C-alpha cells in the first residue's frame, strides 16, 4: 500500500512496541506474531487492492511465519 506500507511489517512493528511496553508482562514472540497476523488480515479485508472499488478487489492476506527456537 503506497500510503501505509507493508501491512504485516507495519503491524509487526506495532506489536513489538505494544508487547514490549512497561504495561505488558511476559510478552512472547508467539503473542507478537499472532497479533501482527490478526491485524494484517483485518486491514487487508478492509482495503481495496485494485480499482474499481468493488468487493472482488478487496485484498486478502494471510501471513505465515515460523518460529524456530535456538536460531
C-alpha atoms as a PDB file:
ATOM      1  CA  UNK A   1       0.000   0.000   0.000  1.00  0.00           C
ATOM      2  CA  UNK A   2       1.564   3.313  -1.074  1.00  0.00           C
ATOM      3  CA  UNK A   3       0.401   5.278   1.967  1.00  0.00           C
ATOM      4  CA  UNK A   4       0.545   2.523   4.599  1.00  0.00           C
ATOM      5  CA  UNK A   5       3.495   0.370   3.541  1.00  0.00           C
ATOM      6  CA  UNK A   6       3.613  -3.389   4.017  1.00  0.00           C
ATOM      7  CA  UNK A   7       0.708  -4.446   6.194  1.00  0.00           C
ATOM      8  CA  UNK A   8       2.487  -7.236   8.048  1.00  0.00           C
ATOM      9  CA  UNK A   9       5.689  -5.208   8.515  1.00  0.00           C
ATOM     10  CA  UNK A  10       3.718  -2.298   9.934  1.00  0.00           C
ATOM     11  CA  UNK A  11       1.676  -4.416  12.338  1.00  0.00           C
ATOM     12  CA  UNK A  12       4.707  -6.492  13.359  1.00  0.00           C
ATOM     13  CA  UNK A  13       6.489  -3.287  14.395  1.00  0.00           C
ATOM     14  CA  UNK A  14       3.386  -2.054  16.211  1.00  0.00           C
ATOM     15  CA  UNK A  15       3.007  -5.398  18.021  1.00  0.00           C
ATOM     16  CA  UNK A  16       6.615  -5.315  19.185  1.00  0.00           C
ATOM     17  CA  UNK A  17       6.122  -1.793  20.527  1.00  0.00           C
ATOM     18  CA  UNK A  18       2.851  -2.792  22.203  1.00  0.00           C
ATOM     19  CA  UNK A  19       4.029  -6.041  23.781  1.00  0.00           C
ATOM     20  CA  UNK A  20       7.353  -4.602  24.932  1.00  0.00           C
ATOM     21  CA  UNK A  21       5.795  -1.686  26.788  1.00  0.00           C
ATOM     22  CA  UNK A  22       6.106  -1.394  30.551  1.00  0.00           C
ATOM     23  CA  UNK A  23       2.429  -2.283  30.948  1.00  0.00           C
ATOM     24  CA  UNK A  24       2.792  -5.752  29.410  1.00  0.00           C
ATOM     25  CA  UNK A  25       4.228  -8.591  31.416  1.00  0.00           C
ATOM     26  CA  UNK A  26       5.827 -11.690  29.955  1.00  0.00           C
ATOM     27  CA  UNK A  27       5.458 -10.948  26.223  1.00  0.00           C
ATOM     28  CA  UNK A  28       6.226 -13.822  23.894  1.00  0.00           C
ATOM     29  CA  UNK A  29       7.164 -13.912  20.233  1.00  0.00           C
ATOM     30  CA  UNK A  30       4.070 -16.002  19.640  1.00  0.00           C
ATOM     31  CA  UNK A  31       1.842 -13.213  21.022  1.00  0.00           C
ATOM     32  CA  UNK A  32       3.632 -10.641  18.870  1.00  0.00           C
ATOM     33  CA  UNK A  33       3.310 -12.685  15.671  1.00  0.00           C
ATOM     34  CA  UNK A  34      -0.312 -13.659  16.360  1.00  0.00           C
ATOM     35  CA  UNK A  35      -1.286 -10.033  16.955  1.00  0.00           C
ATOM     36  CA  UNK A  36       0.504  -8.879  13.787  1.00  0.00           C
ATOM     37  CA  UNK A  37      -1.206 -11.635  11.794  1.00  0.00           C
ATOM     38  CA  UNK A  38      -4.710 -10.759  13.039  1.00  0.00           C
ATOM     39  CA  UNK A  39      -4.180  -7.033  12.426  1.00  0.00           C
ATOM     40  CA  UNK A  40      -2.815  -7.713   8.921  1.00  0.00           C
ATOM     41  CA  UNK A  41      -5.823  -9.836   7.973  1.00  0.00           C
ATOM     42  CA  UNK A  42      -8.253  -7.214   9.351  1.00  0.00           C
ATOM     43  CA  UNK A  43      -6.544  -4.363   7.484  1.00  0.00           C
ATOM     44  CA  UNK A  44      -6.380  -6.303   4.215  1.00  0.00           C
ATOM     45  CA  UNK A  45     -10.048  -7.256   4.460  1.00  0.00           C
ATOM     46  CA  UNK A  46     -10.921  -3.549   4.567  1.00  0.00           C
ATOM     47  CA  UNK A  47      -8.568  -2.427   1.783  1.00  0.00           C
ATOM     48  CA  UNK A  48      -9.055  -2.474  -1.974  1.00  0.00           C
ATOM     49  CA  UNK A  49      -6.058  -3.799  -3.924  1.00  0.00           C
ATOM     50  CA  UNK A  50      -7.251  -2.546  -7.273  1.00  0.00           C
ATOM     51  CA  UNK A  51      -9.825  -0.343  -8.965  1.00  0.00           C
ATOM     52  CA  UNK A  52     -12.759  -0.332  -9.392  1.00  0.00           C
ATOM     53  CA  UNK A  53     -13.690  -0.386  -5.722  1.00  0.00           C
ATOM     54  CA  UNK A  54     -15.836  -3.489  -5.768  1.00  0.00           C
ATOM     55  CA  UNK A  55     -15.924  -6.420  -3.324  1.00  0.00           C
ATOM     56  CA  UNK A  56     -13.946  -8.725  -5.612  1.00  0.00           C
ATOM     57  CA  UNK A  57     -10.995  -6.282  -5.450  1.00  0.00           C
ATOM     58  CA  UNK A  58     -10.675  -6.372  -1.666  1.00  0.00           C
ATOM     59  CA  UNK A  59      -7.226  -7.540  -0.598  1.00  0.00           C
ATOM     60  CA  UNK A  60      -6.827 -10.895   1.081  1.00  0.00           C
ATOM     61  CA  UNK A  61      -3.667 -11.569   3.010  1.00  0.00           C
ATOM     62  CA  UNK A  62      -2.917 -14.421   5.336  1.00  0.00           C
ATOM     63  CA  UNK A  63       0.597 -14.081   6.712  1.00  0.00           C
ATOM     64  CA  UNK A  64       2.513 -17.200   7.627  1.00  0.00           C
ATOM     65  CA  UNK A  65       5.510 -17.380   9.879  1.00  0.00           C
ATOM     66  CA  UNK A  66       7.696 -19.974  11.502  1.00  0.00           C
ATOM     67  CA  UNK A  67       9.322 -19.630  14.897  1.00  0.00           C
ATOM     68  CA  UNK A  68      12.470 -21.710  15.266  1.00  0.00           C
ATOM     69  CA  UNK A  69      13.943 -21.924  18.737  1.00  0.00           C
ATOM     70  CA  UNK A  70      17.689 -21.789  19.140  1.00  0.00           C
ATOM     71  CA  UNK A  71      18.417 -19.856  15.958  1.00  0.00           C
END
